Amino acid sequence: MKRRNRLQIFIGALILLAFFMLSCSGKKEEGPQSLEQIQKEQGIPVVVKPVVAQRFEKSLSFFGTFRGERETIVGAMIGGRVQKINYKPGDKVQKDAVVIEFPEDSPGAQFRQAKSAYELSKKTYERMKALFEKGEIAQAQFDGARTKYLVDKSNYETMKDLLKLDAPYSGTITEVMVHEGDNVKSKTPLFAIAKLNKMKIRVWISDAERQQIKPGMKALATVEGRTFTGKVQEISIGVNPMKQAFYADLIFDNSNGEILPGTTADVKIITYEDDHAIVLPIHLLRSKDGRKFVFLARDGHAKEQPVTISNDNGVYFEISSGLKEGDPLIIKGYARLADGVKIKVVR
């Protein structure tokens, strides 16, 4: 009897288990929602940033070397031995200061002959002048002595200038190319002088660049992280046959002496600037059917906002109409947007 009861219980358990399994298999499980379904219900996540006016500029970039506003290399007028050098590089000199001297016996100068002739004619002139004032000689004799004196004086001063090379203007000695005792030939470069209170950079430009550059435009020169502000001083009207390019001269103030001649710099010429512009990164601009637009966030939805471009510098557009300060510009998540699509602003 007991075995029969146990069998009935076992069979009943099997029936219940089978019924449970059948009931479970009859249920249909619901799968997880797709990303598209979630975004349709909640909105496409986007990042929004208010439009803010900022500086916009267009520029042309070059590479150049600082030089003095005015630079001159003074060469030997005659051949001979360098007797004395009175200044070294970096020294400031006044106009007509004697920088380099040659000895009086330099063979190319004939200085001593000219000096003797001058001294003799000077004495003769002074003696004839005294006699003429006393009425003891004729006008013609006095005029002849005076003429010879003036000619010999001019020759003497010319010979003296050949031996004593002076500064053609007030400035700074930037280089001395010889040493005392050196024998040099005529026309050998001896020293360089420059005006360094203003510095100049010459850049070479194409015809297309020349059309964009105007005198007075701002120029920036950067040297080892320091930037100096100058302006365009002059633009050539003809092509340099060697460079096959035009040049633009840029001028920079150097009254404090911070810029050294020969220093190289990265140069920018600002061809356009606006300190209060509505600016748009190029990647945010969308195009459709010839229209240019961006997306704004309006009442939980994306709105296509047409814009007009007035300028671009390769990185940003300057917007002349369609956007204003404070507009909620969508800057991330815009790739899948369309006009009127539901959005979810995230931070």
Protein backbone atom coordinates (compact mmCIF):
# COMPACT_ATOMS: atom_id res chain seq x y z
CA MET A 1 0.00 0.00 0.00
CA LYS A 2 2.77 2.36 0.89
CA ARG A 3 4.62 1.60 -2.36
CA ARG A 4 1.44 2.38 -4.29
CA ASN A 5 1.04 5.73 -2.52
CA ARG A 6 4.62 6.71 -3.20
CA LEU A 7 4.19 5.88 -6.88
CA GLN A 8 1.09 8.03 -7.11
CA ILE A 9 2.91 10.95 -5.49
CA PHE A 10 5.85 10.57 -7.89
CA ILE A 11 3.58 10.47 -10.93
CA GLY A 12 1.70 13.55 -9.72
CA ALA A 13 4.97 15.49 -9.31
CA LEU A 14 5.97 14.59 -12.85
CA ILE A 15 2.61 15.82 -14.16
CA LEU A 16 2.99 19.13 -12.27
CA LEU A 17 6.58 19.62 -13.57
CA ALA A 18 5.49 18.94 -17.14
CA PHE A 19 2.59 21.38 -16.80
CA PHE A 20 4.96 24.09 -15.42
CA MET A 21 7.43 23.64 -18.25
CA LEU A 22 4.68 23.85 -20.84
CA SER A 23 3.29 27.00 -19.31
CA CYS A 24 6.77 28.65 -19.25
CA SER A 25 7.48 27.81 -22.85
CA GLY A 26 4.22 29.40 -23.85
CA LYS A 27 5.27 32.86 -22.52
CA LYS A 28 6.92 35.29 -25.03
CA GLU A 29 9.90 37.28 -23.61
CA GLU A 30 10.18 40.98 -24.54
CA GLY A 31 13.71 42.00 -25.82
CA PRO A 32 15.55 45.23 -24.70
CA GLN A 33 14.77 48.54 -26.47
CA SER A 34 17.11 49.65 -29.27
CA LEU A 35 19.15 52.89 -29.09
CA GLU A 36 16.99 54.31 -31.85
CA GLN A 37 13.82 53.60 -29.86
CA ILE A 38 15.29 55.17 -26.72
CA GLN A 39 16.39 58.30 -28.60
CA LYS A 40 12.99 58.53 -30.31
CA GLU A 41 11.27 58.54 -26.96
CA GLN A 42 13.78 60.59 -24.94
CA GLY A 43 15.48 62.64 -27.69
CA ILE A 44 18.90 62.56 -29.38
CA PRO A 45 21.53 63.67 -26.84
CA VAL A 46 23.25 66.94 -27.81
CA VAL A 47 25.58 69.51 -26.26
CA VAL A 48 24.51 73.14 -26.49
CA LYS A 49 26.61 76.29 -26.17
CA PRO A 50 25.33 79.89 -26.32
CA VAL A 51 26.69 81.94 -29.22
CA VAL A 52 29.23 84.52 -28.00
CA ALA A 53 30.78 87.32 -30.08
CA GLN A 54 34.56 87.02 -30.31
CA ARG A 55 37.60 88.18 -32.27
CA PHE A 56 37.90 87.05 -35.89
CA GLU A 57 40.87 87.64 -38.15
CA LYS A 58 42.38 86.60 -41.46
CA SER A 59 46.12 86.59 -41.89
CA LEU A 60 48.98 85.60 -44.17
CA SER A 61 52.00 83.83 -42.70
CA PHE A 62 55.66 84.29 -43.61
CA PHE A 63 59.17 83.83 -42.28
CA GLY A 64 61.65 86.71 -42.10
CA THR A 65 64.75 88.24 -40.54
CA PHE A 66 64.96 91.49 -38.57
CA ARG A 67 67.23 94.16 -40.02
CA GLY A 68 67.84 97.75 -39.05
CA GLU A 69 65.48 100.24 -40.65
CA ARG A 70 68.52 101.58 -42.45
CA GLU A 71 71.68 99.51 -42.96
CA THR A 72 74.92 100.44 -44.69
CA ILE A 73 78.14 98.58 -45.35
CA VAL A 74 81.10 100.95 -45.63
CA GLY A 75 83.97 99.77 -47.83
CA ALA A 76 87.58 100.82 -48.30
CA MET A 77 88.08 103.67 -50.75
CA ILE A 78 91.73 102.72 -51.23
CA GLY A 79 93.90 99.68 -50.68
CA GLY A 80 96.31 99.60 -47.77
CA ARG A 81 96.86 98.69 -44.15
CA VAL A 82 94.17 99.20 -41.50
CA GLN A 83 95.87 101.37 -38.90
CA LYS A 84 93.17 101.90 -36.28
CA ILE A 85 89.64 100.75 -35.47
CA ASN A 86 87.88 103.14 -33.13
CA TYR A 87 84.59 101.32 -32.50
CA LYS A 88 83.38 97.74 -31.99
CA PRO A 89 80.06 96.04 -32.78
CA GLY A 90 77.29 97.34 -30.55
CA ASP A 91 78.81 100.80 -30.15
CA LYS A 92 76.54 103.75 -30.86
CA VAL A 93 78.15 106.44 -33.02
CA GLN A 94 77.24 109.90 -34.20
CA LYS A 95 77.23 111.01 -37.81
CA ASP A 96 80.78 111.68 -39.15
CA ALA A 97 82.46 109.80 -36.27
CA VAL A 98 85.70 108.23 -37.60
CA VAL A 99 85.33 104.45 -37.36
CA ILE A 100 88.42 103.16 -39.24
CA GLU A 101 91.69 104.92 -40.11
CA PHE A 102 94.40 104.20 -42.66
CA PRO A 103 97.96 105.60 -42.28
CA GLU A 104 98.94 108.80 -44.08
CA ASP A 105 101.56 106.96 -46.10
CA SER A 106 99.02 104.65 -47.74
CA PRO A 107 100.23 104.40 -51.35
CA GLY A 108 96.78 104.71 -52.89
CA ALA A 109 95.92 107.99 -51.19
CA GLN A 110 98.78 110.36 -52.03
CA PHE A 111 97.72 112.08 -48.86
CA ARG A 112 101.06 113.66 -47.99
CA GLN A 113 101.42 115.23 -51.43
CA ALA A 114 97.92 116.64 -51.21
CA LYS A 115 98.56 117.91 -47.68
CA SER A 116 101.81 119.65 -48.70
CA ALA A 117 100.14 121.27 -51.70
CA TYR A 118 97.26 122.46 -49.56
CA GLU A 119 99.49 123.93 -46.84
CA LEU A 120 101.64 125.76 -49.42
CA SER A 121 98.68 127.19 -51.35
CA LYS A 122 97.05 128.25 -48.08
CA LYS A 123 100.11 130.28 -47.08
CA THR A 124 100.33 131.78 -50.56
CA TYR A 125 96.65 132.70 -50.50
CA GLU A 126 96.90 134.36 -47.09
CA ARG A 127 99.98 136.34 -48.21
CA MET A 128 98.33 137.41 -51.50
CA LYS A 129 95.18 138.38 -49.63
CA ALA A 130 97.13 140.71 -47.36
CA LEU A 131 98.89 142.28 -50.38
CA PHE A 132 95.61 142.65 -52.26
CA GLU A 133 93.98 144.43 -49.34
CA LYS A 134 96.93 146.90 -49.35
CA GLY A 135 96.48 147.41 -53.07
CA GLU A 136 99.93 146.05 -53.90
CA ILE A 137 98.76 143.32 -56.34
CA ALA A 138 96.14 143.13 -59.05
CA GLN A 139 92.76 141.39 -58.74
CA ALA A 140 93.81 138.69 -61.19
CA GLN A 141 96.85 137.69 -59.09
CA PHE A 142 94.68 137.42 -55.97
CA ASP A 143 91.97 135.42 -57.78
CA GLY A 144 94.54 132.98 -59.10
CA ALA A 145 95.98 132.36 -55.60
CA ARG A 146 92.51 131.96 -54.16
CA THR A 147 91.43 129.48 -56.84
CA LYS A 148 94.53 127.32 -56.35
CA TYR A 149 94.02 127.37 -52.60
CA LEU A 150 90.39 126.18 -52.93
CA VAL A 151 91.35 123.40 -55.36
CA ASP A 152 94.21 122.17 -53.16
CA LYS A 153 91.96 122.32 -50.09
CA SER A 154 89.33 120.18 -51.84
CA ASN A 155 91.95 117.65 -52.93
CA TYR A 156 93.36 117.49 -49.40
CA GLU A 157 89.95 116.91 -47.83
CA THR A 158 89.20 114.22 -50.40
CA MET A 159 92.45 112.42 -49.61
CA LYS A 160 91.73 112.75 -45.89
CA ASP A 161 88.31 111.18 -46.38
CA LEU A 162 89.96 108.23 -48.08
CA LEU A 163 92.06 107.58 -44.99
CA LYS A 164 89.43 108.18 -42.33
CA LEU A 165 86.19 106.29 -42.86
CA ASP A 166 83.39 107.81 -40.86
CA ALA A 167 79.80 106.95 -40.00
CA PRO A 168 77.42 108.13 -42.74
CA TYR A 169 74.69 108.73 -40.12
CA SER A 170 74.08 108.30 -36.40
CA GLY A 171 73.46 104.66 -35.57
CA THR A 172 74.93 101.45 -34.17
CA ILE A 173 77.97 99.58 -35.44
CA THR A 174 76.61 96.10 -36.19
CA GLU A 175 79.75 94.48 -37.60
CA VAL A 176 83.45 95.14 -38.14
CA MET A 177 84.86 92.93 -40.89
CA VAL A 178 88.61 93.64 -40.48
CA HIS A 179 91.28 93.85 -37.78
CA GLU A 180 93.99 96.41 -37.12
CA GLY A 181 97.02 95.60 -39.24
CA ASP A 182 95.04 93.89 -42.01
CA ASN A 183 96.02 94.76 -45.57
CA VAL A 184 92.91 95.26 -47.65
CA LYS A 185 92.11 96.03 -51.25
CA SER A 186 90.02 98.90 -52.49
CA LYS A 187 86.25 98.33 -52.05
CA THR A 188 86.79 95.70 -49.34
CA PRO A 189 83.85 95.85 -46.85
CA LEU A 190 85.13 97.29 -43.56
CA PHE A 191 82.18 97.82 -41.22
CA ALA A 192 78.39 97.86 -41.10
CA ILE A 193 76.21 100.47 -39.44
CA ALA A 194 72.46 100.50 -38.90
CA LYS A 195 69.65 102.49 -37.37
CA LEU A 196 68.19 100.08 -34.80
CA ASN A 197 65.55 102.23 -33.11
CA LYS A 198 63.25 100.81 -35.75
CA MET A 199 63.59 97.32 -37.22
CA LYS A 200 62.48 96.04 -40.60
CA ILE A 201 61.51 92.66 -42.00
CA ARG A 202 61.18 92.09 -45.74
CA VAL A 203 58.87 89.28 -46.82
CA TRP A 204 58.39 87.99 -50.34
CA ILE A 205 54.80 87.74 -51.53
CA SER A 206 52.90 86.38 -54.52
CA ASP A 207 50.66 88.50 -56.73
CA ALA A 208 47.58 87.00 -55.04
CA GLU A 209 48.96 87.92 -51.60
CA ARG A 210 49.88 91.39 -52.84
CA GLN A 211 46.22 92.00 -53.71
CA GLN A 212 45.30 91.37 -50.06
CA ILE A 213 48.04 93.41 -48.37
CA LYS A 214 47.83 97.19 -47.91
CA PRO A 215 50.26 99.68 -46.30
CA GLY A 216 49.40 100.27 -42.66
CA MET A 217 48.06 96.76 -42.01
CA LYS A 218 49.07 95.22 -38.68
CA ALA A 219 52.05 92.86 -38.69
CA LEU A 220 53.06 90.46 -35.90
CA ALA A 221 56.55 88.98 -35.55
CA THR A 222 57.07 86.17 -33.04
CA VAL A 223 60.53 85.31 -31.71
CA GLU A 224 60.87 82.49 -29.15
CA GLY A 225 57.37 83.06 -27.78
CA ARG A 226 57.57 86.86 -27.74
CA THR A 227 55.43 88.78 -30.20
CA PHE A 228 56.25 92.25 -31.54
CA THR A 229 53.63 94.41 -33.24
CA GLY A 230 54.42 96.45 -36.32
CA LYS A 231 52.83 97.43 -39.60
CA VAL A 232 53.23 97.16 -43.35
CA GLN A 233 55.41 100.06 -44.46
CA GLU A 234 55.87 99.53 -48.19
CA ILE A 235 54.86 97.13 -50.98
CA SER A 236 56.81 96.82 -54.21
CA ILE A 237 55.03 97.49 -57.48
CA GLY A 238 57.34 95.32 -59.58
CA VAL A 239 58.48 91.69 -59.47
CA ASN A 240 62.02 91.00 -58.31
CA PRO A 241 63.63 89.09 -61.22
CA MET A 242 65.70 86.90 -58.91
CA LYS A 243 62.91 86.01 -56.48
CA GLN A 244 60.07 86.14 -59.03
CA ALA A 245 58.00 87.74 -56.31
CA PHE A 246 56.95 91.10 -54.88
CA TYR A 247 58.19 92.30 -51.49
CA ALA A 248 56.47 93.87 -48.50
CA ASP A 249 58.55 95.77 -45.93
CA LEU A 250 57.29 95.60 -42.34
CA ILE A 251 58.45 98.11 -39.71
CA PHE A 252 58.65 97.53 -35.93
CA ASP A 253 59.47 99.91 -33.09
CA ASN A 254 62.68 98.99 -31.25
CA SER A 255 63.25 102.03 -29.07
CA ASN A 256 63.97 99.75 -26.09
CA GLY A 257 66.54 97.73 -28.07
CA GLU A 258 64.88 94.36 -27.44
CA ILE A 259 65.09 93.21 -31.07
CA LEU A 260 68.55 92.29 -32.34
CA PRO A 261 69.50 92.47 -36.02
CA GLY A 262 69.69 89.09 -37.71
CA THR A 263 67.00 87.56 -35.49
CA THR A 264 64.60 85.32 -37.42
CA ALA A 265 60.86 85.48 -36.77
CA ASP A 266 57.53 83.92 -37.71
CA VAL A 267 55.52 86.71 -39.30
CA LYS A 268 51.79 87.30 -39.73
CA ILE A 269 50.17 90.12 -41.67
CA ILE A 270 46.59 90.71 -40.50
CA THR A 271 44.55 91.31 -43.64
CA TYR A 272 41.16 91.47 -41.89
CA GLU A 273 40.03 91.69 -38.26
CA ASP A 274 36.83 92.19 -36.28
CA ASP A 275 36.95 92.21 -32.47
CA HIS A 276 33.21 91.61 -32.05
CA ALA A 277 32.22 89.02 -34.65
CA ILE A 278 29.80 86.10 -34.64
CA VAL A 279 32.16 83.22 -35.35
CA LEU A 280 31.35 79.62 -36.26
CA PRO A 281 33.80 76.67 -36.40
CA ILE A 282 33.78 75.32 -39.95
CA HIS A 283 32.78 71.78 -38.90
CA LEU A 284 29.47 73.00 -37.41
CA LEU A 285 28.16 74.35 -40.71
CA ARG A 286 25.69 72.08 -42.53
CA SER A 287 24.64 72.27 -46.18
CA LYS A 288 21.49 71.08 -47.96
CA ASP A 289 20.09 72.04 -51.36
CA GLY A 290 22.57 74.94 -51.56
CA ARG A 291 21.50 76.27 -48.15
CA LYS A 292 23.93 76.83 -45.28
CA PHE A 293 22.56 76.28 -41.79
CA VAL A 294 23.31 75.24 -38.22
CA PHE A 295 21.17 73.56 -35.58
CA LEU A 296 19.74 75.44 -32.62
CA ALA A 297 18.03 73.94 -29.59
CA ARG A 298 14.41 75.20 -29.40
CA ASP A 299 11.82 73.83 -26.92
CA GLY A 300 13.36 70.38 -26.80
CA HIS A 301 13.74 70.08 -30.57
CA ALA A 302 16.44 70.78 -33.18
CA LYS A 303 15.80 73.71 -35.45
CA GLU A 304 17.58 74.36 -38.74
CA GLN A 305 18.84 77.96 -38.66
CA PRO A 306 19.95 79.40 -42.04
CA VAL A 307 23.11 81.55 -41.86
CA THR A 308 25.04 83.88 -44.17
CA ILE A 309 28.84 83.70 -44.31
CA SER A 310 30.84 86.88 -44.83
CA ASN A 311 34.41 85.61 -44.29
CA ASP A 312 36.43 82.53 -43.53
CA ASN A 313 40.01 81.94 -42.45
CA GLY A 314 40.22 78.21 -42.99
CA VAL A 315 39.26 77.41 -39.38
CA TYR A 316 36.27 79.65 -38.64
CA PHE A 317 33.48 81.33 -40.56
CA GLU A 318 32.39 84.87 -39.79
CA ILE A 319 28.58 84.94 -39.80
CA SER A 320 26.96 88.15 -41.01
CA SER A 321 23.32 87.09 -40.46
CA GLY A 322 21.27 84.23 -39.01
CA LEU A 323 22.95 84.01 -35.60
CA LYS A 324 23.12 86.39 -32.68
CA GLU A 325 24.68 86.36 -29.23
CA GLY A 326 22.92 84.01 -26.84
CA ASP A 327 21.46 81.66 -29.47
CA PRO A 328 21.59 78.02 -28.17
CA LEU A 329 23.94 76.49 -30.75
CA ILE A 330 24.18 72.68 -30.89
CA ILE A 331 27.91 71.89 -30.99
CA LYS A 332 27.87 68.10 -30.41
CA GLY A 333 25.45 65.40 -31.53
CA TYR A 334 24.37 67.31 -34.65
CA ALA A 335 25.36 64.59 -37.16
CA ARG A 336 22.03 62.67 -36.83
CA LEU A 337 19.78 65.70 -36.47
CA ALA A 338 17.09 66.99 -38.78
CA ASP A 339 14.73 69.90 -38.45
CA GLY A 340 12.18 69.26 -35.71
CA VAL A 341 13.84 66.15 -34.27
CA LYS A 342 13.43 65.67 -30.50
CA ILE A 343 16.65 66.32 -28.58
CA LYS A 344 17.94 65.82 -25.06
CA VAL A 345 20.44 68.44 -23.86
CA VAL A 346 23.29 66.90 -21.89
CA ARG A 347 26.29 68.46 -20.25
